[in-house]
Amino acid sequence: MNEWLVTAAVLLLSLVPCGVVCARAAPIDRLVALELAVVVDVVILLVLAQGFRRDIYFDVALVLAFLSFAGALVFIRFVERWV
């Protein structure tokens, strides 16, 4: 196990507070936590790609970064009725 995989495991633990906020907060705070979780996920995928020395995994992180913006727009559209 190299230092990249250890870093990915530590970053994975940082998703727990984001999940708690997504489960219990107001809708706007949920959106912020969701976006933060996506940023952390992208970083985790980039670290894993470096740790496994697979260039193709960088594409997965790139696709997730692009799709997270669309997902946030859908989330905003869904909750705008209550905000």
PDB file of N, CA and C in Angstrom:
ATOM      1  N   MET A   1       0.850  -1.174   0.000  1.00  0.00           N
ATOM      2  CA  MET A   1       0.000   0.000   0.000  1.00  0.00           C
ATOM      3  C   MET A   1       0.898   1.239   0.000  1.00  0.00           C
ATOM      4  N   ASN A   2       0.667   2.122  -0.947  1.00  0.00           N
ATOM      5  CA  ASN A   2       1.511   3.312  -1.023  1.00  0.00           C
ATOM      6  C   ASN A   2       0.816   4.520  -0.399  1.00  0.00           C
ATOM      7  N   GLU A   3       1.532   5.638  -0.381  1.00  0.00           N
ATOM      8  CA  GLU A   3       1.005   6.828   0.294  1.00  0.00           C
ATOM      9  C   GLU A   3      -0.218   7.416  -0.397  1.00  0.00           C
ATOM     10  N   TRP A   4      -0.385   7.162  -1.696  1.00  0.00           N
ATOM     11  CA  TRP A   4      -1.568   7.664  -2.405  1.00  0.00           C
ATOM     12  C   TRP A   4      -2.833   6.966  -1.911  1.00  0.00           C
ATOM     13  N   LEU A   5      -2.740   5.687  -1.682  1.00  0.00           N
ATOM     14  CA  LEU A   5      -3.914   4.942  -1.218  1.00  0.00           C
ATOM     15  C   LEU A   5      -4.258   5.278   0.229  1.00  0.00           C
ATOM     16  N   VAL A   6      -3.249   5.550   1.037  1.00  0.00           N
ATOM     17  CA  VAL A   6      -3.494   5.983   2.413  1.00  0.00           C
ATOM     18  C   VAL A   6      -4.187   7.343   2.410  1.00  0.00           C
ATOM     19  N   THR A   7      -3.735   8.233   1.539  1.00  0.00           N
ATOM     20  CA  THR A   7      -4.359   9.547   1.417  1.00  0.00           C
ATOM     21  C   THR A   7      -5.813   9.423   0.980  1.00  0.00           C
ATOM     22  N   ALA A   8      -6.087   8.525   0.055  1.00  0.00           N
ATOM     23  CA  ALA A   8      -7.471   8.316  -0.395  1.00  0.00           C
ATOM     24  C   ALA A   8      -8.346   7.805   0.742  1.00  0.00           C
ATOM     25  N   ALA A   9      -7.797   6.941   1.586  1.00  0.00           N
ATOM     26  CA  ALA A   9      -8.566   6.431   2.719  1.00  0.00           C
ATOM     27  C   ALA A   9      -8.870   7.531   3.734  1.00  0.00           C
ATOM     28  N   VAL A  10      -7.908   8.407   3.964  1.00  0.00           N
ATOM     29  CA  VAL A  10      -8.132   9.520   4.889  1.00  0.00           C
ATOM     30  C   VAL A  10      -9.162  10.485   4.309  1.00  0.00           C
ATOM     31  N   LEU A  11      -9.073  10.759   3.030  1.00  0.00           N
ATOM     32  CA  LEU A  11     -10.058  11.640   2.394  1.00  0.00           C
ATOM     33  C   LEU A  11     -11.458  11.025   2.405  1.00  0.00           C
ATOM     34  N   LEU A  12     -11.511   9.722   2.344  1.00  0.00           N
ATOM     35  CA  LEU A  12     -12.810   9.047   2.382  1.00  0.00           C
ATOM     36  C   LEU A  12     -13.510   9.292   3.714  1.00  0.00           C
ATOM     37  N   LEU A  13     -12.758   9.398   4.773  1.00  0.00           N
ATOM     38  CA  LEU A  13     -13.347   9.690   6.080  1.00  0.00           C
ATOM     39  C   LEU A  13     -13.928  11.095   6.149  1.00  0.00           C
ATOM     40  N   SER A  14     -13.444  11.997   5.314  1.00  0.00           N
ATOM     41  CA  SER A  14     -13.965  13.366   5.330  1.00  0.00           C
ATOM     42  C   SER A  14     -15.347  13.464   4.691  1.00  0.00           C
ATOM     43  N   LEU A  15     -15.825  12.403   4.096  1.00  0.00           N
ATOM     44  CA  LEU A  15     -17.168  12.415   3.513  1.00  0.00           C
ATOM     45  C   LEU A  15     -18.258  12.199   4.560  1.00  0.00           C
ATOM     46  N   VAL A  16     -17.886  11.717   5.727  1.00  0.00           N
ATOM     47  CA  VAL A  16     -18.877  11.461   6.777  1.00  0.00           C
ATOM     48  C   VAL A  16     -19.583  12.739   7.225  1.00  0.00           C
ATOM     49  N   PRO A  17     -18.869  13.835   7.521  1.00  0.00           N
ATOM     50  CA  PRO A  17     -19.587  15.061   7.896  1.00  0.00           C
ATOM     51  C   PRO A  17     -20.491  15.591   6.778  1.00  0.00           C
ATOM     52  N   CYS A  18     -20.058  15.424   5.541  1.00  0.00           N
ATOM     53  CA  CYS A  18     -20.906  15.861   4.424  1.00  0.00           C
ATOM     54  C   CYS A  18     -22.201  15.057   4.378  1.00  0.00           C
ATOM     55  N   GLY A  19     -22.112  13.777   4.649  1.00  0.00           N
ATOM     56  CA  GLY A  19     -23.312  12.940   4.684  1.00  0.00           C
ATOM     57  C   GLY A  19     -24.249  13.311   5.805  1.00  0.00           C
ATOM     58  N   VAL A  20     -23.698  13.669   6.951  1.00  0.00           N
ATOM     59  CA  VAL A  20     -24.537  14.088   8.082  1.00  0.00           C
ATOM     60  C   VAL A  20     -25.270  15.377   7.743  1.00  0.00           C
ATOM     61  N   VAL A  21     -24.576  16.323   7.144  1.00  0.00           N
ATOM     62  CA  VAL A  21     -25.217  17.583   6.764  1.00  0.00           C
ATOM     63  C   VAL A  21     -26.269  17.348   5.685  1.00  0.00           C
ATOM     64  N   CYS A  22     -25.981  16.479   4.744  1.00  0.00           N
ATOM     65  CA  CYS A  22     -26.965  16.170   3.694  1.00  0.00           C
ATOM     66  C   CYS A  22     -28.221  15.519   4.264  1.00  0.00           C
ATOM     67  N   ALA A  23     -28.083  14.823   5.363  1.00  0.00           N
ATOM     68  CA  ALA A  23     -29.229  14.128   5.941  1.00  0.00           C
ATOM     69  C   ALA A  23     -30.063  15.002   6.867  1.00  0.00           C
ATOM     70  N   ARG A  24     -29.460  16.011   7.506  1.00  0.00           N
ATOM     71  CA  ARG A  24     -30.170  16.702   8.576  1.00  0.00           C
ATOM     72  C   ARG A  24     -30.314  18.204   8.420  1.00  0.00           C
ATOM     73  N   ALA A  25     -29.779  18.814   7.411  1.00  0.00           N
ATOM     74  CA  ALA A  25     -29.748  20.275   7.346  1.00  0.00           C
ATOM     75  C   ALA A  25     -30.870  20.826   6.470  1.00  0.00           C
ATOM     76  N   ALA A  26     -30.894  22.139   6.356  1.00  0.00           N
ATOM     77  CA  ALA A  26     -31.840  22.822   5.480  1.00  0.00           C
ATOM     78  C   ALA A  26     -31.464  22.542   4.017  1.00  0.00           C
ATOM     79  N   PRO A  27     -32.396  22.731   3.093  1.00  0.00           N
ATOM     80  CA  PRO A  27     -32.116  22.399   1.688  1.00  0.00           C
ATOM     81  C   PRO A  27     -30.902  23.112   1.089  1.00  0.00           C
ATOM     82  N   ILE A  28     -30.717  24.372   1.405  1.00  0.00           N
ATOM     83  CA  ILE A  28     -29.564  25.092   0.850  1.00  0.00           C
ATOM     84  C   ILE A  28     -28.256  24.543   1.427  1.00  0.00           C
ATOM     85  N   ASP A  29     -28.263  24.233   2.705  1.00  0.00           N
ATOM     86  CA  ASP A  29     -27.072  23.639   3.320  1.00  0.00           C
ATOM     87  C   ASP A  29     -26.800  22.249   2.753  1.00  0.00           C
ATOM     88  N   ARG A  30     -27.854  21.531   2.422  1.00  0.00           N
ATOM     89  CA  ARG A  30     -27.675  20.215   1.789  1.00  0.00           C
ATOM     90  C   ARG A  30     -26.976  20.341   0.441  1.00  0.00           C
ATOM     91  N   LEU A  31     -27.357  21.366  -0.305  1.00  0.00           N
ATOM     92  CA  LEU A  31     -26.726  21.574  -1.608  1.00  0.00           C
ATOM     93  C   LEU A  31     -25.243  21.874  -1.454  1.00  0.00           C
ATOM     94  N   VAL A  32     -24.897  22.696  -0.498  1.00  0.00           N
ATOM     95  CA  VAL A  32     -23.484  23.025  -0.258  1.00  0.00           C
ATOM     96  C   VAL A  32     -22.713  21.771   0.154  1.00  0.00           C
ATOM     97  N   ALA A  33     -23.309  20.963   1.027  1.00  0.00           N
ATOM     98  CA  ALA A  33     -22.646  19.725   1.458  1.00  0.00           C
ATOM     99  C   ALA A  33     -22.506  18.744   0.296  1.00  0.00           C
ATOM    100  N   LEU A  34     -23.510  18.709  -0.562  1.00  0.00           N
ATOM    101  CA  LEU A  34     -23.450  17.834  -1.735  1.00  0.00           C
ATOM    102  C   LEU A  34     -22.326  18.250  -2.671  1.00  0.00           C
ATOM    103  N   GLU A  35     -22.200  19.543  -2.907  1.00  0.00           N
ATOM    104  CA  GLU A  35     -21.133  20.024  -3.780  1.00  0.00           C
ATOM    105  C   GLU A  35     -19.753  19.784  -3.163  1.00  0.00           C
ATOM    106  N   LEU A  36     -19.647  19.967  -1.851  1.00  0.00           N
ATOM    107  CA  LEU A  36     -18.383  19.686  -1.179  1.00  0.00           C
ATOM    108  C   LEU A  36     -18.040  18.201  -1.270  1.00  0.00           C
ATOM    109  N   ALA A  37     -19.038  17.355  -1.121  1.00  0.00           N
ATOM    110  CA  ALA A  37     -18.804  15.914  -1.226  1.00  0.00           C
ATOM    111  C   ALA A  37     -18.341  15.532  -2.631  1.00  0.00           C
ATOM    112  N   VAL A  38     -18.885  16.184  -3.634  1.00  0.00           N
ATOM    113  CA  VAL A  38     -18.460  15.886  -5.004  1.00  0.00           C
ATOM    114  C   VAL A  38     -17.018  16.324  -5.223  1.00  0.00           C
ATOM    115  N   VAL A  39     -16.648  17.460  -4.685  1.00  0.00           N
ATOM    116  CA  VAL A  39     -15.264  17.916  -4.818  1.00  0.00           C
ATOM    117  C   VAL A  39     -14.313  16.931  -4.141  1.00  0.00           C
ATOM    118  N   VAL A  40     -14.693  16.467  -2.955  1.00  0.00           N
ATOM    119  CA  VAL A  40     -13.862  15.489  -2.249  1.00  0.00           C
ATOM    120  C   VAL A  40     -13.819  14.173  -3.032  1.00  0.00           C
ATOM    121  N   ASP A  41     -14.942  13.779  -3.612  1.00  0.00           N
ATOM    122  CA  ASP A  41     -14.963  12.556  -4.428  1.00  0.00           C
ATOM    123  C   ASP A  41     -14.035  12.661  -5.628  1.00  0.00           C
ATOM    124  N   VAL A  42     -14.040  13.800  -6.285  1.00  0.00           N
ATOM    125  CA  VAL A  42     -13.157  13.994  -7.441  1.00  0.00           C
ATOM    126  C   VAL A  42     -11.697  13.899  -7.000  1.00  0.00           C
ATOM    127  N   VAL A  43     -11.372  14.510  -5.878  1.00  0.00           N
ATOM    128  CA  VAL A  43      -9.993  14.445  -5.378  1.00  0.00           C
ATOM    129  C   VAL A  43      -9.629  13.006  -5.022  1.00  0.00           C
ATOM    130  N   ILE A  44     -10.554  12.282  -4.405  1.00  0.00           N
ATOM    131  CA  ILE A  44     -10.291  10.875  -4.067  1.00  0.00           C
ATOM    132  C   ILE A  44     -10.037  10.066  -5.327  1.00  0.00           C
ATOM    133  N   LEU A  45     -10.843  10.275  -6.353  1.00  0.00           N
ATOM    134  CA  LEU A  45     -10.637   9.536  -7.604  1.00  0.00           C
ATOM    135  C   LEU A  45      -9.302   9.891  -8.257  1.00  0.00           C
ATOM    136  N   LEU A  46      -8.912  11.151  -8.180  1.00  0.00           N
ATOM    137  CA  LEU A  46      -7.612  11.531  -8.736  1.00  0.00           C
ATOM    138  C   LEU A  46      -6.460  10.901  -7.960  1.00  0.00           C
ATOM    139  N   VAL A  47      -6.585  10.869  -6.645  1.00  0.00           N
ATOM    140  CA  VAL A  47      -5.541  10.242  -5.821  1.00  0.00           C
ATOM    141  C   VAL A  47      -5.478   8.737  -6.080  1.00  0.00           C
ATOM    142  N   LEU A  48      -6.638   8.105  -6.224  1.00  0.00           N
ATOM    143  CA  LEU A  48      -6.647   6.673  -6.534  1.00  0.00           C
ATOM    144  C   LEU A  48      -6.050   6.392  -7.909  1.00  0.00           C
ATOM    145  N   ALA A  49      -6.326   7.252  -8.875  1.00  0.00           N
ATOM    146  CA  ALA A  49      -5.738   7.076 -10.204  1.00  0.00           C
ATOM    147  C   ALA A  49      -4.220   7.163 -10.138  1.00  0.00           C
ATOM    148  N   GLN A  50      -3.730   8.086  -9.346  1.00  0.00           N
ATOM    149  CA  GLN A  50      -2.281   8.190  -9.185  1.00  0.00           C
ATOM    150  C   GLN A  50      -1.732   6.996  -8.412  1.00  0.00           C
ATOM    151  N   GLY A  51      -2.470   6.548  -7.391  1.00  0.00           N
ATOM    152  CA  GLY A  51      -2.005   5.432  -6.574  1.00  0.00           C
ATOM    153  C   GLY A  51      -1.952   4.116  -7.335  1.00  0.00           C
ATOM    154  N   PHE A  52      -2.926   3.898  -8.217  1.00  0.00           N
ATOM    155  CA  PHE A  52      -2.950   2.673  -9.013  1.00  0.00           C
ATOM    156  C   PHE A  52      -2.182   2.812 -10.322  1.00  0.00           C
ATOM    157  N   ARG A  53      -1.705   4.014 -10.611  1.00  0.00           N
ATOM    158  CA  ARG A  53      -0.955   4.304 -11.848  1.00  0.00           C
ATOM    159  C   ARG A  53      -1.760   3.931 -13.099  1.00  0.00           C
ATOM    160  N   ARG A  54      -3.024   4.361 -13.097  1.00  0.00           N
ATOM    161  CA  ARG A  54      -3.917   4.133 -14.238  1.00  0.00           C
ATOM    162  C   ARG A  54      -4.403   5.473 -14.763  1.00  0.00           C
ATOM    163  N   ASP A  55      -4.000   5.829 -15.959  1.00  0.00           N
ATOM    164  CA  ASP A  55      -4.386   7.121 -16.524  1.00  0.00           C
ATOM    165  C   ASP A  55      -5.862   7.185 -16.885  1.00  0.00           C
ATOM    166  N   ILE A  56      -6.467   6.060 -17.148  1.00  0.00           N
ATOM    167  CA  ILE A  56      -7.866   6.045 -17.553  1.00  0.00           C
ATOM    168  C   ILE A  56      -8.773   6.485 -16.410  1.00  0.00           C
ATOM    169  N   TYR A  57      -8.345   6.318 -15.181  1.00  0.00           N
ATOM    170  CA  TYR A  57      -9.159   6.707 -14.031  1.00  0.00           C
ATOM    171  C   TYR A  57      -9.265   8.221 -13.891  1.00  0.00           C
ATOM    172  N   PHE A  58      -8.359   8.953 -14.507  1.00  0.00           N
ATOM    173  CA  PHE A  58      -8.476  10.407 -14.495  1.00  0.00           C
ATOM    174  C   PHE A  58      -9.732  10.851 -15.243  1.00  0.00           C
ATOM    175  N   ASP A  59     -10.098  10.097 -16.261  1.00  0.00           N
ATOM    176  CA  ASP A  59     -11.306  10.423 -17.018  1.00  0.00           C
ATOM    177  C   ASP A  59     -12.563  10.280 -16.176  1.00  0.00           C
ATOM    178  N   VAL A  60     -12.580   9.321 -15.280  1.00  0.00           N
ATOM    179  CA  VAL A  60     -13.736   9.130 -14.395  1.00  0.00           C
ATOM    180  C   VAL A  60     -13.912  10.350 -13.495  1.00  0.00           C
ATOM    181  N   ALA A  61     -12.813  10.864 -12.967  1.00  0.00           N
ATOM    182  CA  ALA A  61     -12.881  12.062 -12.132  1.00  0.00           C
ATOM    183  C   ALA A  61     -13.354  13.268 -12.937  1.00  0.00           C
ATOM    184  N   LEU A  62     -12.921  13.377 -14.163  1.00  0.00           N
ATOM    185  CA  LEU A  62     -13.331  14.482 -15.018  1.00  0.00           C
ATOM    186  C   LEU A  62     -14.826  14.424 -15.332  1.00  0.00           C
ATOM    187  N   VAL A  63     -15.331  13.245 -15.630  1.00  0.00           N
ATOM    188  CA  VAL A  63     -16.757  13.078 -15.908  1.00  0.00           C
ATOM    189  C   VAL A  63     -17.584  13.387 -14.668  1.00  0.00           C
ATOM    190  N   LEU A  64     -17.130  12.946 -13.508  1.00  0.00           N
ATOM    191  CA  LEU A  64     -17.851  13.247 -12.271  1.00  0.00           C
ATOM    192  C   LEU A  64     -17.895  14.745 -12.007  1.00  0.00           C
ATOM    193  N   ALA A  65     -16.819  15.450 -12.284  1.00  0.00           N
ATOM    194  CA  ALA A  65     -16.790  16.897 -12.084  1.00  0.00           C
ATOM    195  C   ALA A  65     -17.798  17.592 -12.989  1.00  0.00           C
ATOM    196  N   PHE A  66     -17.909  17.153 -14.232  1.00  0.00           N
ATOM    197  CA  PHE A  66     -18.873  17.766 -15.150  1.00  0.00           C
ATOM    198  C   PHE A  66     -20.314  17.424 -14.777  1.00  0.00           C
ATOM    199  N   LEU A  67     -20.555  16.191 -14.381  1.00  0.00           N
ATOM    200  CA  LEU A  67     -21.923  15.781 -14.055  1.00  0.00           C
ATOM    201  C   LEU A  67     -22.406  16.351 -12.726  1.00  0.00           C
ATOM    202  N   SER A  68     -21.498  16.710 -11.853  1.00  0.00           N
ATOM    203  CA  SER A  68     -21.919  17.261 -10.566  1.00  0.00           C
ATOM    204  C   SER A  68     -22.584  18.616 -10.743  1.00  0.00           C
ATOM    205  N   PHE A  69     -22.134  19.384 -11.704  1.00  0.00           N
ATOM    206  CA  PHE A  69     -22.756  20.677 -11.962  1.00  0.00           C
ATOM    207  C   PHE A  69     -24.196  20.492 -12.436  1.00  0.00           C
ATOM    208  N   ALA A  70     -24.410  19.548 -13.331  1.00  0.00           N
ATOM    209  CA  ALA A  70     -25.769  19.269 -13.804  1.00  0.00           C
ATOM    210  C   ALA A  70     -26.635  18.725 -12.675  1.00  0.00           C
ATOM    211  N   GLY A  71     -26.067  17.908 -11.827  1.00  0.00           N
ATOM    212  CA  GLY A  71     -26.811  17.376 -10.694  1.00  0.00           C
ATOM    213  C   GLY A  71     -27.220  18.464  -9.714  1.00  0.00           C
ATOM    214  N   ALA A  72     -26.359  19.438  -9.518  1.00  0.00           N
ATOM    215  CA  ALA A  72     -26.696  20.556  -8.631  1.00  0.00           C
ATOM    216  C   ALA A  72     -27.834  21.381  -9.212  1.00  0.00           C
ATOM    217  N   LEU A  73     -27.826  21.568 -10.515  1.00  0.00           N
ATOM    218  CA  LEU A  73     -28.917  22.310 -11.141  1.00  0.00           C
ATOM    219  C   LEU A  73     -30.247  21.579 -11.006  1.00  0.00           C
ATOM    220  N   VAL A  74     -30.230  20.277 -11.150  1.00  0.00           N
ATOM    221  CA  VAL A  74     -31.453  19.490 -10.973  1.00  0.00           C
ATOM    222  C   VAL A  74     -31.920  19.568  -9.526  1.00  0.00           C
ATOM    223  N   PHE A  75     -30.993  19.496  -8.585  1.00  0.00           N
ATOM    224  CA  PHE A  75     -31.350  19.584  -7.173  1.00  0.00           C
ATOM    225  C   PHE A  75     -31.976  20.935  -6.850  1.00  0.00           C
ATOM    226  N   ILE A  76     -31.401  22.004  -7.384  1.00  0.00           N
ATOM    227  CA  ILE A  76     -31.953  23.342  -7.152  1.00  0.00           C
ATOM    228  C   ILE A  76     -33.349  23.452  -7.750  1.00  0.00           C
ATOM    229  N   ARG A  77     -33.525  22.919  -8.917  1.00  0.00           N
ATOM    230  CA  ARG A  77     -34.838  22.962  -9.566  1.00  0.00           C
ATOM    231  C   ARG A  77     -35.873  22.190  -8.756  1.00  0.00           C
ATOM    232  N   PHE A  78     -35.453  21.086  -8.167  1.00  0.00           N
ATOM    233  CA  PHE A  78     -36.365  20.248  -7.374  1.00  0.00           C
ATOM    234  C   PHE A  78     -36.775  20.925  -6.079  1.00  0.00           C
ATOM    235  N   VAL A  79     -35.837  21.577  -5.386  1.00  0.00           N
ATOM    236  CA  VAL A  79     -36.154  22.161  -4.081  1.00  0.00           C
ATOM    237  C   VAL A  79     -36.588  23.613  -4.151  1.00  0.00           C
ATOM    238  N   GLU A  80     -36.650  24.194  -5.308  1.00  0.00           N
ATOM    239  CA  GLU A  80     -37.044  25.597  -5.355  1.00  0.00           C
ATOM    240  C   GLU A  80     -38.494  25.798  -4.940  1.00  0.00           C
ATOM    241  N   ARG A  81     -39.275  24.750  -4.931  1.00  0.00           N
ATOM    242  CA  ARG A  81     -40.662  24.860  -4.474  1.00  0.00           C
ATOM    243  C   ARG A  81     -40.739  25.165  -2.980  1.00  0.00           C
ATOM    244  N   TRP A  82     -39.793  24.651  -2.214  1.00  0.00           N
ATOM    245  CA  TRP A  82     -39.828  24.807  -0.765  1.00  0.00           C
ATOM    246  C   TRP A  82     -38.962  25.954  -0.258  1.00  0.00           C
ATOM    247  N   VAL A  83     -38.139  26.500  -1.109  1.00  0.00           N
ATOM    248  CA  VAL A  83     -37.238  27.583  -0.660  1.00  0.00           C
ATOM    249  C   VAL A  83     -37.781  28.921  -1.104  1.00  0.00           C
TER     250      VAL A  83
END
